[in-house]
Amino acid sequence: MSAFSLFALVLLVAVTVFALSNPSIVALRFLMWQVQVSLSLAVMGGAVLGGLLVFVSGLMGQQRLRARVHDLQARLREAEARTSGSGGSPTPPP
């Protein structure tokens, strides 16, 4: 198990213990909405939403990197084709 996974597991246990030891009702207000929920549900919901935001932003970063790798591979193939077609001496890029 990696250090990051172990840290995430310990953090998850800590948040769960904190949430379950605080069962009081709290009022959540956002703009015009107001809802009464238990503190444990609010904490766990916040943790889940935060995890989802991190996951989605990570996926977006991976997609951007994949597109960059694809572009660089295409440029490399073009450069290799130019060098193999000109007798092996590299030509400067335009």
PDB file of N, CA and C in Angstrom:
ATOM      1  N   MET A   1       0.851  -1.175   0.000  1.00  0.00           N
ATOM      2  CA  MET A   1       0.000   0.000   0.000  1.00  0.00           C
ATOM      3  C   MET A   1       0.895   1.236   0.000  1.00  0.00           C
ATOM      4  N   SER A   2       0.593   2.173  -0.876  1.00  0.00           N
ATOM      5  CA  SER A   2       1.416   3.376  -0.979  1.00  0.00           C
ATOM      6  C   SER A   2       1.166   4.301   0.214  1.00  0.00           C
ATOM      7  N   ALA A   3       2.079   5.218   0.414  1.00  0.00           N
ATOM      8  CA  ALA A   3       1.962   6.164   1.524  1.00  0.00           C
ATOM      9  C   ALA A   3       0.725   7.042   1.354  1.00  0.00           C
ATOM     10  N   PHE A   4       0.423   7.413   0.114  1.00  0.00           N
ATOM     11  CA  PHE A   4      -0.757   8.241  -0.134  1.00  0.00           C
ATOM     12  C   PHE A   4      -2.032   7.485   0.208  1.00  0.00           C
ATOM     13  N   SER A   5      -2.107   6.222  -0.175  1.00  0.00           N
ATOM     14  CA  SER A   5      -3.293   5.416   0.125  1.00  0.00           C
ATOM     15  C   SER A   5      -3.460   5.237   1.624  1.00  0.00           C
ATOM     16  N   LEU A   6      -2.369   5.029   2.323  1.00  0.00           N
ATOM     17  CA  LEU A   6      -2.423   4.885   3.772  1.00  0.00           C
ATOM     18  C   LEU A   6      -2.880   6.188   4.416  1.00  0.00           C
ATOM     19  N   PHE A   7      -2.356   7.303   3.952  1.00  0.00           N
ATOM     20  CA  PHE A   7      -2.779   8.605   4.470  1.00  0.00           C
ATOM     21  C   PHE A   7      -4.262   8.839   4.214  1.00  0.00           C
ATOM     22  N   ALA A   8      -4.731   8.519   3.007  1.00  0.00           N
ATOM     23  CA  ALA A   8      -6.142   8.697   2.670  1.00  0.00           C
ATOM     24  C   ALA A   8      -7.027   7.815   3.543  1.00  0.00           C
ATOM     25  N   LEU A   9      -6.596   6.602   3.813  1.00  0.00           N
ATOM     26  CA  LEU A   9      -7.372   5.702   4.665  1.00  0.00           C
ATOM     27  C   LEU A   9      -7.444   6.221   6.100  1.00  0.00           C
ATOM     28  N   VAL A  10      -6.330   6.693   6.629  1.00  0.00           N
ATOM     29  CA  VAL A  10      -6.320   7.253   7.988  1.00  0.00           C
ATOM     30  C   VAL A  10      -7.205   8.490   8.055  1.00  0.00           C
ATOM     31  N   LEU A  11      -7.136   9.344   7.039  1.00  0.00           N
ATOM     32  CA  LEU A  11      -7.971  10.534   6.999  1.00  0.00           C
ATOM     33  C   LEU A  11      -9.449  10.170   6.915  1.00  0.00           C
ATOM     34  N   LEU A  12      -9.780   9.161   6.131  1.00  0.00           N
ATOM     35  CA  LEU A  12     -11.163   8.710   6.023  1.00  0.00           C
ATOM     36  C   LEU A  12     -11.680   8.198   7.360  1.00  0.00           C
ATOM     37  N   VAL A  13     -10.868   7.429   8.070  1.00  0.00           N
ATOM     38  CA  VAL A  13     -11.272   6.918   9.381  1.00  0.00           C
ATOM     39  C   VAL A  13     -11.471   8.081  10.356  1.00  0.00           C
ATOM     40  N   ALA A  14     -10.552   9.057  10.339  1.00  0.00           N
ATOM     41  CA  ALA A  14     -10.658  10.201  11.244  1.00  0.00           C
ATOM     42  C   ALA A  14     -11.919  11.005  10.971  1.00  0.00           C
ATOM     43  N   VAL A  15     -12.230  11.257   9.712  1.00  0.00           N
ATOM     44  CA  VAL A  15     -13.444  12.010   9.361  1.00  0.00           C
ATOM     45  C   VAL A  15     -14.685  11.229   9.761  1.00  0.00           C
ATOM     46  N   THR A  16     -14.678   9.922   9.562  1.00  0.00           N
ATOM     47  CA  THR A  16     -15.824   9.092   9.928  1.00  0.00           C
ATOM     48  C   THR A  16     -16.042   9.103  11.436  1.00  0.00           C
ATOM     49  N   VAL A  17     -14.971   8.960  12.206  1.00  0.00           N
ATOM     50  CA  VAL A  17     -15.105   8.987  13.670  1.00  0.00           C
ATOM     51  C   VAL A  17     -15.610  10.347  14.124  1.00  0.00           C
ATOM     52  N   PHE A  18     -15.062  11.425  13.548  1.00  0.00           N
ATOM     53  CA  PHE A  18     -15.522  12.758  13.910  1.00  0.00           C
ATOM     54  C   PHE A  18     -17.001  12.944  13.571  1.00  0.00           C
ATOM     55  N   ALA A  19     -17.384  12.513  12.383  1.00  0.00           N
ATOM     56  CA  ALA A  19     -18.768  12.697  11.956  1.00  0.00           C
ATOM     57  C   ALA A  19     -19.737  11.906  12.826  1.00  0.00           C
ATOM     58  N   LEU A  20     -19.400  10.685  13.147  1.00  0.00           N
ATOM     59  CA  LEU A  20     -20.313   9.857  13.931  1.00  0.00           C
ATOM     60  C   LEU A  20     -20.354  10.255  15.400  1.00  0.00           C
ATOM     61  N   SER A  21     -19.347  10.970  15.881  1.00  0.00           N
ATOM     62  CA  SER A  21     -19.370  11.416  17.271  1.00  0.00           C
ATOM     63  C   SER A  21     -20.041  12.776  17.433  1.00  0.00           C
ATOM     64  N   ASN A  22     -20.537  13.357  16.339  1.00  0.00           N
ATOM     65  CA  ASN A  22     -21.238  14.645  16.376  1.00  0.00           C
ATOM     66  C   ASN A  22     -22.605  14.515  15.694  1.00  0.00           C
ATOM     67  N   PRO A  23     -23.585  13.909  16.377  1.00  0.00           N
ATOM     68  CA  PRO A  23     -24.876  13.666  15.727  1.00  0.00           C
ATOM     69  C   PRO A  23     -25.867  14.830  15.817  1.00  0.00           C
ATOM     70  N   SER A  24     -25.456  15.983  16.320  1.00  0.00           N
ATOM     71  CA  SER A  24     -26.402  17.084  16.487  1.00  0.00           C
ATOM     72  C   SER A  24     -26.887  17.606  15.134  1.00  0.00           C
ATOM     73  N   ILE A  25     -28.025  18.282  15.177  1.00  0.00           N
ATOM     74  CA  ILE A  25     -28.640  18.846  13.969  1.00  0.00           C
ATOM     75  C   ILE A  25     -28.092  20.251  13.737  1.00  0.00           C
ATOM     76  N   VAL A  26     -27.742  20.529  12.496  1.00  0.00           N
ATOM     77  CA  VAL A  26     -27.244  21.857  12.122  1.00  0.00           C
ATOM     78  C   VAL A  26     -28.047  22.371  10.941  1.00  0.00           C
ATOM     79  N   ALA A  27     -28.063  23.689  10.788  1.00  0.00           N
ATOM     80  CA  ALA A  27     -28.754  24.320   9.656  1.00  0.00           C
ATOM     81  C   ALA A  27     -27.708  24.699   8.607  1.00  0.00           C
ATOM     82  N   LEU A  28     -27.864  24.189   7.410  1.00  0.00           N
ATOM     83  CA  LEU A  28     -26.985  24.551   6.297  1.00  0.00           C
ATOM     84  C   LEU A  28     -27.712  25.578   5.443  1.00  0.00           C
ATOM     85  N   ARG A  29     -27.059  26.707   5.204  1.00  0.00           N
ATOM     86  CA  ARG A  29     -27.657  27.773   4.402  1.00  0.00           C
ATOM     87  C   ARG A  29     -26.768  28.039   3.197  1.00  0.00           C
ATOM     88  N   PHE A  30     -27.400  28.149   2.033  1.00  0.00           N
ATOM     89  CA  PHE A  30     -26.691  28.503   0.808  1.00  0.00           C
ATOM     90  C   PHE A  30     -27.616  29.358  -0.030  1.00  0.00           C
ATOM     91  N   LEU A  31     -27.235  30.609  -0.215  1.00  0.00           N
ATOM     92  CA  LEU A  31     -28.046  31.593  -0.924  1.00  0.00           C
ATOM     93  C   LEU A  31     -29.456  31.620  -0.337  1.00  0.00           C
ATOM     94  N   MET A  32     -30.450  31.133  -1.058  1.00  0.00           N
ATOM     95  CA  MET A  32     -31.832  31.185  -0.563  1.00  0.00           C
ATOM     96  C   MET A  32     -32.264  29.876   0.085  1.00  0.00           C
ATOM     97  N   TRP A  33     -31.453  28.845  -0.004  1.00  0.00           N
ATOM     98  CA  TRP A  33     -31.846  27.550   0.525  1.00  0.00           C
ATOM     99  C   TRP A  33     -31.365  27.368   1.947  1.00  0.00           C
ATOM    100  N   GLN A  34     -32.147  26.627   2.707  1.00  0.00           N
ATOM    101  CA  GLN A  34     -31.760  26.262   4.066  1.00  0.00           C
ATOM    102  C   GLN A  34     -32.271  24.850   4.325  1.00  0.00           C
ATOM    103  N   VAL A  35     -31.414  24.016   4.914  1.00  0.00           N
ATOM    104  CA  VAL A  35     -31.807  22.643   5.191  1.00  0.00           C
ATOM    105  C   VAL A  35     -31.247  22.248   6.562  1.00  0.00           C
ATOM    106  N   GLN A  36     -32.015  21.464   7.297  1.00  0.00           N
ATOM    107  CA  GLN A  36     -31.596  20.955   8.602  1.00  0.00           C
ATOM    108  C   GLN A  36     -31.109  19.514   8.421  1.00  0.00           C
ATOM    109  N   VAL A  37     -29.853  19.262   8.742  1.00  0.00           N
ATOM    110  CA  VAL A  37     -29.289  17.917   8.638  1.00  0.00           C
ATOM    111  C   VAL A  37     -28.420  17.654   9.864  1.00  0.00           C
ATOM    112  N   SER A  38     -28.092  16.390  10.069  1.00  0.00           N
ATOM    113  CA  SER A  38     -27.186  16.073  11.174  1.00  0.00           C
ATOM    114  C   SER A  38     -25.767  16.493  10.784  1.00  0.00           C
ATOM    115  N   LEU A  39     -24.990  16.847  11.777  1.00  0.00           N
ATOM    116  CA  LEU A  39     -23.617  17.283  11.530  1.00  0.00           C
ATOM    117  C   LEU A  39     -22.799  16.176  10.878  1.00  0.00           C
ATOM    118  N   SER A  40     -23.062  14.936  11.277  1.00  0.00           N
ATOM    119  CA  SER A  40     -22.313  13.826  10.680  1.00  0.00           C
ATOM    120  C   SER A  40     -22.592  13.714   9.184  1.00  0.00           C
ATOM    121  N   LEU A  41     -23.853  13.895   8.792  1.00  0.00           N
ATOM    122  CA  LEU A  41     -24.193  13.841   7.370  1.00  0.00           C
ATOM    123  C   LEU A  41     -23.552  15.004   6.619  1.00  0.00           C
ATOM    124  N   ALA A  42     -23.533  16.181   7.232  1.00  0.00           N
ATOM    125  CA  ALA A  42     -22.921  17.340   6.584  1.00  0.00           C
ATOM    126  C   ALA A  42     -21.418  17.128   6.395  1.00  0.00           C
ATOM    127  N   VAL A  43     -20.744  16.592   7.411  1.00  0.00           N
ATOM    128  CA  VAL A  43     -19.303  16.362   7.307  1.00  0.00           C
ATOM    129  C   VAL A  43     -19.004  15.293   6.262  1.00  0.00           C
ATOM    130  N   MET A  44     -19.725  14.184   6.313  1.00  0.00           N
ATOM    131  CA  MET A  44     -19.490  13.110   5.341  1.00  0.00           C
ATOM    132  C   MET A  44     -19.829  13.574   3.918  1.00  0.00           C
ATOM    133  N   GLY A  45     -20.914  14.332   3.773  1.00  0.00           N
ATOM    134  CA  GLY A  45     -21.271  14.857   2.456  1.00  0.00           C
ATOM    135  C   GLY A  45     -20.213  15.792   1.910  1.00  0.00           C
ATOM    136  N   GLY A  46     -19.676  16.650   2.772  1.00  0.00           N
ATOM    137  CA  GLY A  46     -18.597  17.551   2.351  1.00  0.00           C
ATOM    138  C   GLY A  46     -17.350  16.793   1.937  1.00  0.00           C
ATOM    139  N   ALA A  47     -17.031  15.730   2.686  1.00  0.00           N
ATOM    140  CA  ALA A  47     -15.861  14.924   2.348  1.00  0.00           C
ATOM    141  C   ALA A  47     -16.051  14.215   1.006  1.00  0.00           C
ATOM    142  N   VAL A  48     -17.243  13.682   0.787  1.00  0.00           N
ATOM    143  CA  VAL A  48     -17.521  12.992  -0.476  1.00  0.00           C
ATOM    144  C   VAL A  48     -17.478  13.977  -1.645  1.00  0.00           C
ATOM    145  N   LEU A  49     -18.105  15.156  -1.481  1.00  0.00           N
ATOM    146  CA  LEU A  49     -18.081  16.149  -2.560  1.00  0.00           C
ATOM    147  C   LEU A  49     -16.659  16.632  -2.839  1.00  0.00           C
ATOM    148  N   GLY A  50     -15.869  16.823  -1.802  1.00  0.00           N
ATOM    149  CA  GLY A  50     -14.472  17.221  -1.995  1.00  0.00           C
ATOM    150  C   GLY A  50     -13.691  16.157  -2.737  1.00  0.00           C
ATOM    151  N   GLY A  51     -13.920  14.895  -2.371  1.00  0.00           N
ATOM    152  CA  GLY A  51     -13.247  13.802  -3.069  1.00  0.00           C
ATOM    153  C   GLY A  51     -13.642  13.732  -4.536  1.00  0.00           C
ATOM    154  N   LEU A  52     -14.922  13.950  -4.810  1.00  0.00           N
ATOM    155  CA  LEU A  52     -15.381  13.939  -6.201  1.00  0.00           C
ATOM    156  C   LEU A  52     -14.769  15.084  -7.002  1.00  0.00           C
ATOM    157  N   LEU A  53     -14.660  16.256  -6.388  1.00  0.00           N
ATOM    158  CA  LEU A  53     -14.040  17.388  -7.090  1.00  0.00           C
ATOM    159  C   LEU A  53     -12.574  17.110  -7.407  1.00  0.00           C
ATOM    160  N   VAL A  54     -11.853  16.524  -6.460  1.00  0.00           N
ATOM    161  CA  VAL A  54     -10.457  16.171  -6.701  1.00  0.00           C
ATOM    162  C   VAL A  54     -10.357  15.126  -7.800  1.00  0.00           C
ATOM    163  N   PHE A  55     -11.244  14.130  -7.779  1.00  0.00           N
ATOM    164  CA  PHE A  55     -11.245  13.076  -8.790  1.00  0.00           C
ATOM    165  C   PHE A  55     -11.494  13.647 -10.185  1.00  0.00           C
ATOM    166  N   VAL A  56     -12.499  14.506 -10.312  1.00  0.00           N
ATOM    167  CA  VAL A  56     -12.836  15.082 -11.619  1.00  0.00           C
ATOM    168  C   VAL A  56     -11.707  15.981 -12.118  1.00  0.00           C
ATOM    169  N   SER A  57     -11.124  16.784 -11.233  1.00  0.00           N
ATOM    170  CA  SER A  57     -10.021  17.639 -11.683  1.00  0.00           C
ATOM    171  C   SER A  57      -8.811  16.797 -12.079  1.00  0.00           C
ATOM    172  N   GLY A  58      -8.588  15.677 -11.406  1.00  0.00           N
ATOM    173  CA  GLY A  58      -7.514  14.772 -11.794  1.00  0.00           C
ATOM    174  C   GLY A  58      -7.755  14.160 -13.161  1.00  0.00           C
ATOM    175  N   LEU A  59      -9.006  13.779 -13.430  1.00  0.00           N
ATOM    176  CA  LEU A  59      -9.333  13.235 -14.750  1.00  0.00           C
ATOM    177  C   LEU A  59      -9.116  14.268 -15.845  1.00  0.00           C
ATOM    178  N   MET A  60      -9.496  15.505 -15.558  1.00  0.00           N
ATOM    179  CA  MET A  60      -9.296  16.562 -16.551  1.00  0.00           C
ATOM    180  C   MET A  60      -7.812  16.783 -16.818  1.00  0.00           C
ATOM    181  N   GLY A  61      -6.995  16.743 -15.782  1.00  0.00           N
ATOM    182  CA  GLY A  61      -5.554  16.886 -15.959  1.00  0.00           C
ATOM    183  C   GLY A  61      -4.966  15.740 -16.754  1.00  0.00           C
ATOM    184  N   GLN A  62      -5.434  14.515 -16.479  1.00  0.00           N
ATOM    185  CA  GLN A  62      -4.953  13.361 -17.234  1.00  0.00           C
ATOM    186  C   GLN A  62      -5.337  13.476 -18.699  1.00  0.00           C
ATOM    187  N   GLN A  63      -6.545  13.937 -18.980  1.00  0.00           N
ATOM    188  CA  GLN A  63      -6.980  14.085 -20.367  1.00  0.00           C
ATOM    189  C   GLN A  63      -6.122  15.109 -21.092  1.00  0.00           C
ATOM    190  N   ARG A  64      -5.795  16.207 -20.407  1.00  0.00           N
ATOM    191  CA  ARG A  64      -4.950  17.229 -21.007  1.00  0.00           C
ATOM    192  C   ARG A  64      -3.556  16.668 -21.301  1.00  0.00           C
ATOM    193  N   LEU A  65      -3.020  15.878 -20.366  1.00  0.00           N
ATOM    194  CA  LEU A  65      -1.708  15.277 -20.582  1.00  0.00           C
ATOM    195  C   LEU A  65      -1.731  14.251 -21.712  1.00  0.00           C
ATOM    196  N   ARG A  66      -2.804  13.463 -21.804  1.00  0.00           N
ATOM    197  CA  ARG A  66      -2.914  12.500 -22.904  1.00  0.00           C
ATOM    198  C   ARG A  66      -2.935  13.207 -24.251  1.00  0.00           C
ATOM    199  N   ALA A  67      -3.668  14.312 -24.333  1.00  0.00           N
ATOM    200  CA  ALA A  67      -3.716  15.066 -25.582  1.00  0.00           C
ATOM    201  C   ALA A  67      -2.333  15.613 -25.921  1.00  0.00           C
ATOM    202  N   ARG A  68      -1.604  16.065 -24.928  1.00  0.00           N
ATOM    203  CA  ARG A  68      -0.247  16.580 -25.153  1.00  0.00           C
ATOM    204  C   ARG A  68       0.684  15.472 -25.629  1.00  0.00           C
ATOM    205  N   VAL A  69       0.601  14.294 -25.007  1.00  0.00           N
ATOM    206  CA  VAL A  69       1.427  13.160 -25.422  1.00  0.00           C
ATOM    207  C   VAL A  69       1.098  12.767 -26.857  1.00  0.00           C
ATOM    208  N   HIS A  70      -0.193  12.734 -27.194  1.00  0.00           N
ATOM    209  CA  HIS A  70      -0.604  12.378 -28.553  1.00  0.00           C
ATOM    210  C   HIS A  70      -0.020  13.378 -29.554  1.00  0.00           C
ATOM    211  N   ASP A  71      -0.083  14.658 -29.230  1.00  0.00           N
ATOM    212  CA  ASP A  71       0.459  15.686 -30.106  1.00  0.00           C
ATOM    213  C   ASP A  71       1.975  15.532 -30.260  1.00  0.00           C
ATOM    214  N   LEU A  72       2.666  15.285 -29.153  1.00  0.00           N
ATOM    215  CA  LEU A  72       4.117  15.129 -29.225  1.00  0.00           C
ATOM    216  C   LEU A  72       4.523  13.871 -29.993  1.00  0.00           C
ATOM    217  N   GLN A  73       3.743  12.796 -29.859  1.00  0.00           N
ATOM    218  CA  GLN A  73       4.031  11.581 -30.628  1.00  0.00           C
ATOM    219  C   GLN A  73       3.858  11.834 -32.118  1.00  0.00           C
ATOM    220  N   ALA A  74       2.834  12.588 -32.485  1.00  0.00           N
ATOM    221  CA  ALA A  74       2.624  12.908 -33.902  1.00  0.00           C
ATOM    222  C   ALA A  74       3.778  13.762 -34.431  1.00  0.00           C
ATOM    223  N   ARG A  75       4.232  14.716 -33.637  1.00  0.00           N
ATOM    224  CA  ARG A  75       5.363  15.549 -34.057  1.00  0.00           C
ATOM    225  C   ARG A  75       6.630  14.719 -34.188  1.00  0.00           C
ATOM    226  N   LEU A  76       6.817  13.754 -33.281  1.00  0.00           N
ATOM    227  CA  LEU A  76       7.986  12.882 -33.357  1.00  0.00           C
ATOM    228  C   LEU A  76       7.947  12.023 -34.614  1.00  0.00           C
ATOM    229  N   ARG A  77       6.770  11.473 -34.946  1.00  0.00           N
ATOM    230  CA  ARG A  77       6.651  10.676 -36.174  1.00  0.00           C
ATOM    231  C   ARG A  77       6.960  11.523 -37.404  1.00  0.00           C
ATOM    232  N   GLU A  78       6.484  12.774 -37.423  1.00  0.00           N
ATOM    233  CA  GLU A  78       6.785  13.661 -38.543  1.00  0.00           C
ATOM    234  C   GLU A  78       8.285  13.921 -38.651  1.00  0.00           C
ATOM    235  N   ALA A  79       8.924  14.171 -37.518  1.00  0.00           N
ATOM    236  CA  ALA A  79      10.364  14.442 -37.531  1.00  0.00           C
ATOM    237  C   ALA A  79      11.142  13.211 -37.965  1.00  0.00           C
ATOM    238  N   GLU A  80      10.729  12.038 -37.511  1.00  0.00           N
ATOM    239  CA  GLU A  80      11.396  10.802 -37.922  1.00  0.00           C
ATOM    240  C   GLU A  80      11.207  10.564 -39.413  1.00  0.00           C
ATOM    241  N   ALA A  81      10.037  10.872 -39.938  1.00  0.00           N
ATOM    242  CA  ALA A  81       9.783  10.692 -41.371  1.00  0.00           C
ATOM    243  C   ALA A  81      10.649  11.646 -42.185  1.00  0.00           C
ATOM    244  N   ARG A  82      10.814  12.867 -41.694  1.00  0.00           N
ATOM    245  CA  ARG A  82      11.666  13.832 -42.407  1.00  0.00           C
ATOM    246  C   ARG A  82      13.119  13.394 -42.403  1.00  0.00           C
ATOM    247  N   THR A  83      13.598  12.886 -41.284  1.00  0.00           N
ATOM    248  CA  THR A  83      15.010  12.496 -41.206  1.00  0.00           C
ATOM    249  C   THR A  83      15.281  11.220 -41.995  1.00  0.00           C
ATOM    250  N   SER A  84      14.331  10.296 -42.021  1.00  0.00           N
ATOM    251  CA  SER A  84      14.567   9.063 -42.779  1.00  0.00           C
ATOM    252  C   SER A  84      14.444   9.310 -44.276  1.00  0.00           C
ATOM    253  N   GLY A  85      13.664  10.277 -44.684  1.00  0.00           N
ATOM    254  CA  GLY A  85      13.496  10.571 -46.101  1.00  0.00           C
ATOM    255  C   GLY A  85      14.621  11.408 -46.670  1.00  0.00           C
ATOM    256  N   SER A  86      15.396  12.075 -45.822  1.00  0.00           N
ATOM    257  CA  SER A  86      16.455  12.954 -46.330  1.00  0.00           C
ATOM    258  C   SER A  86      17.834  12.334 -46.210  1.00  0.00           C
ATOM    259  N   GLY A  87      17.902  11.043 -46.023  1.00  0.00           N
ATOM    260  CA  GLY A  87      19.194  10.373 -45.978  1.00  0.00           C
ATOM    261  C   GLY A  87      19.802  10.335 -44.584  1.00  0.00           C
ATOM    262  N   GLY A  88      19.036  10.616 -43.585  1.00  0.00           N
ATOM    263  CA  GLY A  88      19.515  10.462 -42.217  1.00  0.00           C
ATOM    264  C   GLY A  88      19.970  11.748 -41.562  1.00  0.00           C
ATOM    265  N   SER A  89      20.190  12.816 -42.336  1.00  0.00           N
ATOM    266  CA  SER A  89      20.606  14.058 -41.682  1.00  0.00           C
ATOM    267  C   SER A  89      19.355  14.842 -41.263  1.00  0.00           C
ATOM    268  N   PRO A  90      19.309  15.266 -40.010  1.00  0.00           N
ATOM    269  CA  PRO A  90      18.106  15.966 -39.539  1.00  0.00           C
ATOM    270  C   PRO A  90      17.984  17.323 -40.198  1.00  0.00           C
ATOM    271  N   THR A  91      16.762  17.682 -40.514  1.00  0.00           N
ATOM    272  CA  THR A  91      16.498  19.003 -41.075  1.00  0.00           C
ATOM    273  C   THR A  91      15.904  19.865 -39.985  1.00  0.00           C
ATOM    274  N   PRO A  92      16.240  21.148 -39.980  1.00  0.00           N
ATOM    275  CA  PRO A  92      15.680  22.029 -38.942  1.00  0.00           C
ATOM    276  C   PRO A  92      14.180  22.190 -39.145  1.00  0.00           C
ATOM    277  N   PRO A  93      13.456  22.336 -38.048  1.00  0.00           N
ATOM    278  CA  PRO A  93      12.012  22.528 -38.178  1.00  0.00           C
ATOM    279  C   PRO A  93      11.697  23.857 -38.835  1.00  0.00           C
ATOM    280  N   PRO A  94      10.590  23.953 -39.529  1.00  0.00           N
ATOM    281  CA  PRO A  94      10.256  25.212 -40.232  1.00  0.00           C
ATOM    282  C   PRO A  94       9.943  26.329 -39.282  1.00  0.00           C
TER     283      PRO A  94
END
